[in-house]
Every structure is written in C-alpha cells, then in structure tokens.
C-alpha cells in the first residue's frame, strides 16, 4: 500500500506527520479538561466531545457533508453502517450522544481512553455478560441520552453494508423512560478524495477491515489528501412501531443500504455544506 501512496502523488509523509502531531497535541491538551468536566459533572462534559470531533475532522483532512435531518427528539438510537475508525470523528461531530462499542476498544492505546471519556458504552460478547451490557445501554436511553450503534458488528470495505445483527437491537425493547424511543438509520459513505470520486482503488486507504493493522493504516490515511464523507440522516421511526428486533434490524438495513448505494452512485442532487465548524 505504501508504494501506491508514493506513486499516486496524493500521499505525503510530511502531511501525515503534521496531521498526526496536530491531532496528538490537540487531543492530549483536552484530556485533562474533559476529566475535570466529568469529575464535576458539568454540562460541558457532553458538549466538549461534539466540538472535539468536529475539530479533529478538520485537523485530519476530513470534509463532512450531510443530507436529511437529525432527529432532535431524545432519546434516539442512531443506527449506522461502519467503515472505519474515522466514523467516530465524523458521527461524533454531528450527534451529541454515546457510542456503543465492543469491550476490546476500551483497552486500545489512547483511543480507549478517549472512548471512556466520551461515555462510550462497552458491550461484552460473552453471553452471560450481554444482559449487563443491554441494561447499561437502556439506562443511558432512559436518562434521555442518545446512543450510536454499529449493528454490523464490524467494519466493512465501504462498498456495501453487511447484515445487521438483530441481537444488538434488543436494547430498544428494554429501554426505560417516559419518552418514546426513536430509531434513526444513518448511512455513512466515503465518496471523494481531493474532490474526485474515490473508487475502489483508494477506498482501502480509509476503510479499515479484515486484518489491517491500525498504526500503518492510520498513517496512510493521514498521508492522503482531503477526504469527503457523506452522511445521510434517514427517516426516523418510533421503536414501538416494530413488532420485534429482527423487523427493526431489517428496516434499518434496507434504508442504510439504499443511502450508501445512492452516495456511491453520486445520484444525490444536492449536498449540504460541512457542519464541522469549530
């Protein structure tokens, strides 16, 4: 992959170095502040991650464009396809909520700390721990907080949406609280590099899947030009409208797959401006 970067002229080790240093310096300077906000339980503990993710998109060369309207009724379970670790910054800059991630993420260097500081809900894959994870998610929703779920259970190559695991939707059936739970599908698609359609050749520099190593992949992603990521907020619906979680998973998968297909085909007539101002 490194040979392709050099040959393309789009990759630059100098660019990767600058972006990485800017990201690390910015991130490490904000960690103590977020810890303090959490310790004092100040309202800013929820707002700072939103602002932080918007800033990191700017620092790492990601241009976010949106379609549709984000549901403002809380609590909402946002359901998205998953392409890369970059999805966190993209969606985190748009939605003031908590991500749901596998428990292994909590042990990752730096990213695990950031996940914990932003209130990520970690789920256990072991069967005897699954109910505990479900209760934790339901508690957040019951408190009126939004959750962001990647029901594929893993990341893909960005050209298709993998089947949704219906078990991950069980939280919608046990969510507590007086307000009805809304479910809103989101499609996230990596479409352009330096303004040009990306195609299959360049997408692996950003899509993180299979047995790709994180450090090397991140370096190559930072070395490339400006990445355009299109996010579409699809039609929300009350969770109670579904008879079971399989029906909910199938509905969300159908909408998300359609959103990704349209974005890849470039069939949308209008693209909104980037909302990641900071």
Protein backbone atom coordinates (compact mmCIF):
# COMPACT_ATOMS: atom_id res chain seq x y z
CA UNK A 1 0.00 0.00 0.00
CA UNK A 2 2.89 2.40 0.70
CA UNK A 3 4.10 2.05 -2.91
CA UNK A 4 0.69 3.12 -4.17
CA UNK A 5 0.77 6.21 -1.97
CA UNK A 6 4.14 7.31 -3.32
CA UNK A 7 3.21 6.58 -6.93
CA UNK A 8 -0.11 8.40 -6.74
CA UNK A 9 1.33 11.73 -5.67
CA UNK A 10 -1.64 12.07 -3.33
CA UNK A 11 0.20 10.75 -0.29
CA UNK A 12 2.75 12.73 1.69
CA UNK A 13 4.74 11.65 4.72
CA UNK A 14 5.15 15.32 5.64
CA UNK A 15 1.36 15.76 5.59
CA UNK A 16 0.88 12.65 7.71
CA UNK A 17 3.47 13.87 10.23
CA UNK A 18 1.88 17.31 10.55
CA UNK A 19 -1.62 15.91 10.92
CA UNK A 20 -0.55 13.32 13.48
CA UNK A 21 1.33 15.84 15.60
CA UNK A 22 -1.55 18.32 15.42
CA UNK A 23 -4.04 15.61 16.37
CA UNK A 24 -1.98 14.32 19.29
CA UNK A 25 -1.17 17.77 20.62
CA UNK A 26 -4.80 18.88 20.41
CA UNK A 27 -6.13 15.64 21.91
CA UNK A 28 -3.68 15.42 24.81
CA UNK A 29 -4.32 19.05 25.75
CA UNK A 30 -8.08 18.42 26.07
CA UNK A 31 -7.98 15.17 28.04
CA UNK A 32 -7.42 16.90 31.43
CA UNK A 33 -10.28 19.32 30.70
CA UNK A 34 -12.71 16.52 29.88
CA UNK A 35 -11.65 14.66 33.03
CA UNK A 36 -12.40 17.76 35.08
CA UNK A 37 -15.79 18.24 33.42
CA UNK A 38 -16.69 14.63 34.17
CA UNK A 39 -15.46 14.87 37.75
CA UNK A 40 -17.57 17.99 38.41
CA UNK A 41 -20.47 16.65 36.30
CA UNK A 42 -20.70 19.90 34.38
CA UNK A 43 -22.91 20.16 31.24
CA UNK A 44 -19.84 20.74 29.10
CA UNK A 45 -18.87 17.09 29.52
CA UNK A 46 -21.32 16.32 26.73
CA UNK A 47 -20.62 19.33 24.53
CA UNK A 48 -16.83 19.10 24.52
CA UNK A 49 -16.69 15.73 22.68
CA UNK A 50 -19.01 17.11 19.98
CA UNK A 51 -16.74 20.11 19.42
CA UNK A 52 -13.62 17.96 19.69
CA UNK A 53 -14.72 15.57 16.95
CA UNK A 54 -15.52 18.45 14.62
CA UNK A 55 -12.06 19.88 15.20
CA UNK A 56 -10.33 16.54 14.62
CA UNK A 57 -12.12 16.15 11.29
CA UNK A 58 -10.61 19.48 10.27
CA UNK A 59 -7.14 18.57 11.53
CA UNK A 60 -7.09 15.20 9.77
CA UNK A 61 -8.41 16.42 6.42
CA UNK A 62 -11.98 15.14 6.57
CA UNK A 63 -14.79 17.13 4.96
CA UNK A 64 -18.19 16.07 6.25
CA UNK A 65 -21.30 16.76 4.17
CA UNK A 66 -24.81 15.87 5.27
CA UNK A 67 -28.27 15.15 3.93
CA UNK A 68 -31.52 14.77 5.77
CA UNK A 69 -32.36 16.00 9.24
CA UNK A 70 -31.06 14.60 12.50
CA UNK A 71 -33.86 13.64 14.83
CA UNK A 72 -33.91 16.07 17.77
CA UNK A 73 -36.28 14.09 19.97
CA UNK A 74 -34.45 12.38 22.78
CA UNK A 75 -33.77 9.62 23.37
CA UNK A 76 -32.81 8.39 19.89
CA UNK A 77 -30.98 5.24 18.89
CA UNK A 78 -28.92 6.14 15.83
CA UNK A 79 -28.07 3.14 13.66
CA UNK A 80 -25.22 3.39 11.15
CA UNK A 81 -23.09 1.25 8.90
CA UNK A 82 -19.42 1.08 9.89
CA UNK A 83 -16.48 1.68 7.54
CA UNK A 84 -13.56 2.86 9.65
CA UNK A 85 -12.37 4.23 12.99
CA UNK A 86 -12.77 7.59 11.24
CA UNK A 87 -16.54 7.10 11.54
CA UNK A 88 -16.22 8.06 15.20
CA UNK A 89 -14.93 11.56 14.45
CA UNK A 90 -17.42 12.02 11.61
CA UNK A 91 -20.54 10.94 13.50
CA UNK A 92 -19.25 12.34 16.78
CA UNK A 93 -19.14 15.79 15.19
CA UNK A 94 -22.83 15.52 14.26
CA UNK A 95 -24.53 13.75 17.15
CA UNK A 96 -24.31 14.61 20.84
CA UNK A 97 -24.58 11.08 22.16
CA UNK A 98 -22.71 7.98 23.28
CA UNK A 99 -21.22 5.34 21.01
CA UNK A 100 -21.72 1.64 21.60
CA UNK A 101 -18.51 -0.33 21.10
CA UNK A 102 -17.13 -3.79 21.76
CA UNK A 103 -15.32 -4.09 25.08
CA UNK A 104 -11.92 -4.57 23.41
CA UNK A 105 -11.92 -0.92 22.31
CA UNK A 106 -11.59 0.14 25.94
CA UNK A 107 -8.09 -1.36 26.08
CA UNK A 108 -6.76 0.34 22.93
CA UNK A 109 -3.91 2.82 23.49
CA UNK A 110 -5.22 6.41 23.59
CA UNK A 111 -8.43 5.59 21.69
CA UNK A 112 -9.64 3.52 24.63
CA UNK A 113 -9.13 6.48 26.96
CA UNK A 114 -10.96 8.79 24.58
CA UNK A 115 -13.84 6.34 24.31
CA UNK A 116 -14.21 6.19 28.08
CA UNK A 117 -14.02 9.97 28.45
CA UNK A 118 -16.83 10.41 25.90
CA UNK A 119 -19.11 7.99 27.74
CA UNK A 120 -18.92 5.07 25.31
CA UNK A 121 -21.00 2.06 26.33
CA UNK A 122 -18.89 -1.08 26.06
CA UNK A 123 -20.68 -4.32 25.26
CA UNK A 124 -19.46 -7.80 26.11
CA UNK A 125 -19.50 -10.57 23.54
CA UNK A 126 -19.80 -13.26 26.19
CA UNK A 127 -23.38 -14.45 26.52
CA UNK A 128 -23.53 -14.17 30.32
CA UNK A 129 -22.44 -10.52 30.08
CA UNK A 130 -24.83 -9.50 27.29
CA UNK A 131 -27.72 -8.68 29.61
CA UNK A 132 -25.48 -6.41 31.68
CA UNK A 133 -24.49 -4.52 28.52
CA UNK A 134 -28.12 -4.21 27.45
CA UNK A 135 -29.11 -2.76 30.82
CA UNK A 136 -26.27 -0.23 30.62
CA UNK A 137 -27.47 0.96 27.21
CA UNK A 138 -31.08 1.08 28.33
CA UNK A 139 -30.10 3.21 31.31
CA UNK A 140 -28.49 5.81 29.04
CA UNK A 141 -31.58 5.93 26.87
CA UNK A 142 -33.77 6.14 29.94
CA UNK A 143 -31.79 9.18 31.05
CA UNK A 144 -32.64 10.87 27.76
CA UNK A 145 -29.23 10.39 26.18
CA UNK A 146 -28.80 9.32 22.54
CA UNK A 147 -26.86 6.21 21.53
CA UNK A 148 -24.99 5.46 18.29
CA UNK A 149 -24.91 1.82 17.26
CA UNK A 150 -22.97 -0.02 14.53
CA UNK A 151 -25.13 -3.15 14.15
CA UNK A 152 -22.89 -4.81 11.55
CA UNK A 153 -20.70 -5.74 14.50
CA UNK A 154 -17.56 -4.97 12.48
CA UNK A 155 -16.36 -2.60 9.77
CA UNK A 156 -16.67 -3.16 6.01
CA UNK A 157 -14.83 -2.14 2.84
CA UNK A 158 -17.26 0.76 2.37
CA UNK A 159 -18.83 -0.54 -0.86
CA UNK A 160 -21.64 -2.47 0.81
CA UNK A 161 -23.48 -2.78 4.09
CA UNK A 162 -23.00 -6.04 5.95
CA UNK A 163 -26.01 -7.77 7.55
CA UNK A 164 -27.21 -6.15 10.78
CA UNK A 165 -27.10 -8.27 13.94
CA UNK A 166 -30.61 -8.14 15.32
CA UNK A 167 -29.39 -9.00 18.84
CA UNK A 168 -27.84 -5.54 19.09
CA UNK A 169 -31.31 -4.01 18.69
CA UNK A 170 -32.59 -5.68 21.84
CA UNK A 171 -31.81 -2.52 23.81
CA UNK A 172 -34.71 -0.81 22.02
CA UNK A 173 -37.09 -3.34 23.56
CA UNK A 174 -35.98 -2.78 27.16
CA UNK A 175 -35.31 0.98 27.09
CA UNK A 176 -36.79 2.72 30.09
CA UNK A 177 -38.23 6.20 30.45
CA UNK A 178 -41.41 8.17 29.80
CA UNK A 179 -40.46 9.41 26.36
CA UNK A 180 -40.85 7.12 23.32
CA UNK A 181 -37.60 5.82 21.89
CA UNK A 182 -36.87 6.94 18.33
CA UNK A 183 -34.72 4.90 15.94
CA UNK A 184 -32.96 6.76 13.13
CA UNK A 185 -30.85 4.98 10.50
CA UNK A 186 -27.75 6.78 9.18
CA UNK A 187 -25.71 5.99 6.09
CA UNK A 188 -22.05 6.98 6.06
CA UNK A 189 -20.16 6.80 2.75
CA UNK A 190 -16.59 7.71 1.82
CA UNK A 191 -17.01 9.21 -1.63
CA UNK A 192 -14.26 11.61 -2.73
CA UNK A 193 -10.53 12.19 -2.43
CA UNK A 194 -9.42 15.74 -3.17
CA UNK A 195 -12.81 16.33 -4.78
CA UNK A 196 -12.56 13.40 -7.19
CA UNK A 197 -14.68 10.22 -6.97
CA UNK A 198 -12.70 7.78 -4.88
CA UNK A 199 -13.44 4.44 -6.48
CA UNK A 200 -12.26 1.06 -5.25
CA UNK A 201 -8.55 1.84 -5.65
CA UNK A 202 -8.38 4.49 -2.93
CA UNK A 203 -11.11 3.32 -0.57
CA UNK A 204 -8.87 0.80 1.30
CA UNK A 205 -6.73 3.73 2.47
CA UNK A 206 -9.69 4.75 4.64
CA UNK A 207 -11.89 1.68 5.08
CA UNK A 208 -10.44 -0.39 7.93
CA UNK A 209 -11.49 -4.02 7.81
CA UNK A 210 -10.21 -7.58 7.87
CA UNK A 211 -6.74 -8.00 9.34
CA UNK A 212 -5.45 -4.48 8.54
CA UNK A 213 -3.07 -3.17 11.20
CA UNK A 214 -4.19 0.08 12.83
CA UNK A 215 -0.90 2.08 13.05
CA UNK A 216 0.11 1.60 9.42
CA UNK A 217 -3.41 2.14 8.13
CA UNK A 218 -3.81 5.34 10.14
CA UNK A 219 -0.52 6.69 8.80
CA UNK A 220 -1.58 6.10 5.19
CA UNK A 221 -4.97 7.70 5.80
CA UNK A 222 -3.32 10.81 7.25
CA UNK A 223 -0.89 10.97 4.33
CA UNK A 224 -3.64 11.26 1.74
CA UNK A 225 -5.45 14.42 0.62
CA UNK A 226 -8.87 15.73 1.64
CA UNK A 227 -11.44 13.01 2.26
CA UNK A 228 -15.14 13.71 1.65
CA UNK A 229 -17.53 11.71 3.80
CA UNK A 230 -21.25 11.86 3.06
CA UNK A 231 -23.65 11.28 5.94
CA UNK A 232 -27.37 10.90 5.36
CA UNK A 233 -29.87 11.02 8.21
CA UNK A 234 -32.70 8.76 7.09
CA UNK A 235 -36.33 8.73 8.20
CA UNK A 236 -36.68 8.17 11.98
CA UNK A 237 -39.39 5.95 13.42
CA UNK A 238 -40.59 5.04 16.90
CA UNK A 239 -39.15 1.78 18.20
CA UNK A 240 -42.63 0.70 19.28
CA UNK A 241 -43.67 0.61 15.60
CA UNK A 242 -41.75 -2.65 15.12
CA UNK A 243 -43.12 -5.97 16.27
CA UNK A 244 -39.67 -7.39 17.04
CA UNK A 245 -35.97 -6.58 16.80
CA UNK A 246 -35.48 -8.59 13.58
CA UNK A 247 -38.02 -6.42 11.85
CA UNK A 248 -36.28 -3.32 13.19
CA UNK A 249 -32.88 -4.56 12.01
CA UNK A 250 -34.21 -5.39 8.53
CA UNK A 251 -35.87 -1.98 8.18
CA UNK A 252 -32.73 -0.10 9.19
CA UNK A 253 -30.51 -2.25 6.96
CA UNK A 254 -32.71 -1.57 3.96
CA UNK A 255 -32.61 2.20 4.44
CA UNK A 256 -28.90 2.35 5.20
CA UNK A 257 -28.01 0.17 2.21
CA UNK A 258 -30.07 2.44 -0.02
CA UNK A 259 -28.34 5.53 1.33
CA UNK A 260 -24.87 4.07 0.72
CA UNK A 261 -25.78 2.94 -2.79
CA UNK A 262 -27.06 6.39 -3.75
CA UNK A 263 -23.98 8.12 -2.37
CA UNK A 264 -21.61 5.76 -4.20
CA UNK A 265 -23.53 6.26 -7.43
CA UNK A 266 -23.46 10.05 -7.00
CA UNK A 267 -27.20 10.15 -7.60
CA UNK A 268 -27.97 12.77 -4.96
CA UNK A 269 -28.87 16.13 -6.49
CA UNK A 270 -27.78 18.32 -3.60
CA UNK A 271 -25.09 18.15 -0.94
CA UNK A 272 -25.20 20.27 2.18
CA UNK A 273 -22.25 22.26 3.43
CA UNK A 274 -19.91 20.84 6.00
CA UNK A 275 -21.30 21.35 9.51
CA UNK A 276 -17.98 20.79 11.26
CA UNK A 277 -17.27 24.39 12.22
CA UNK A 278 -15.28 24.89 15.39
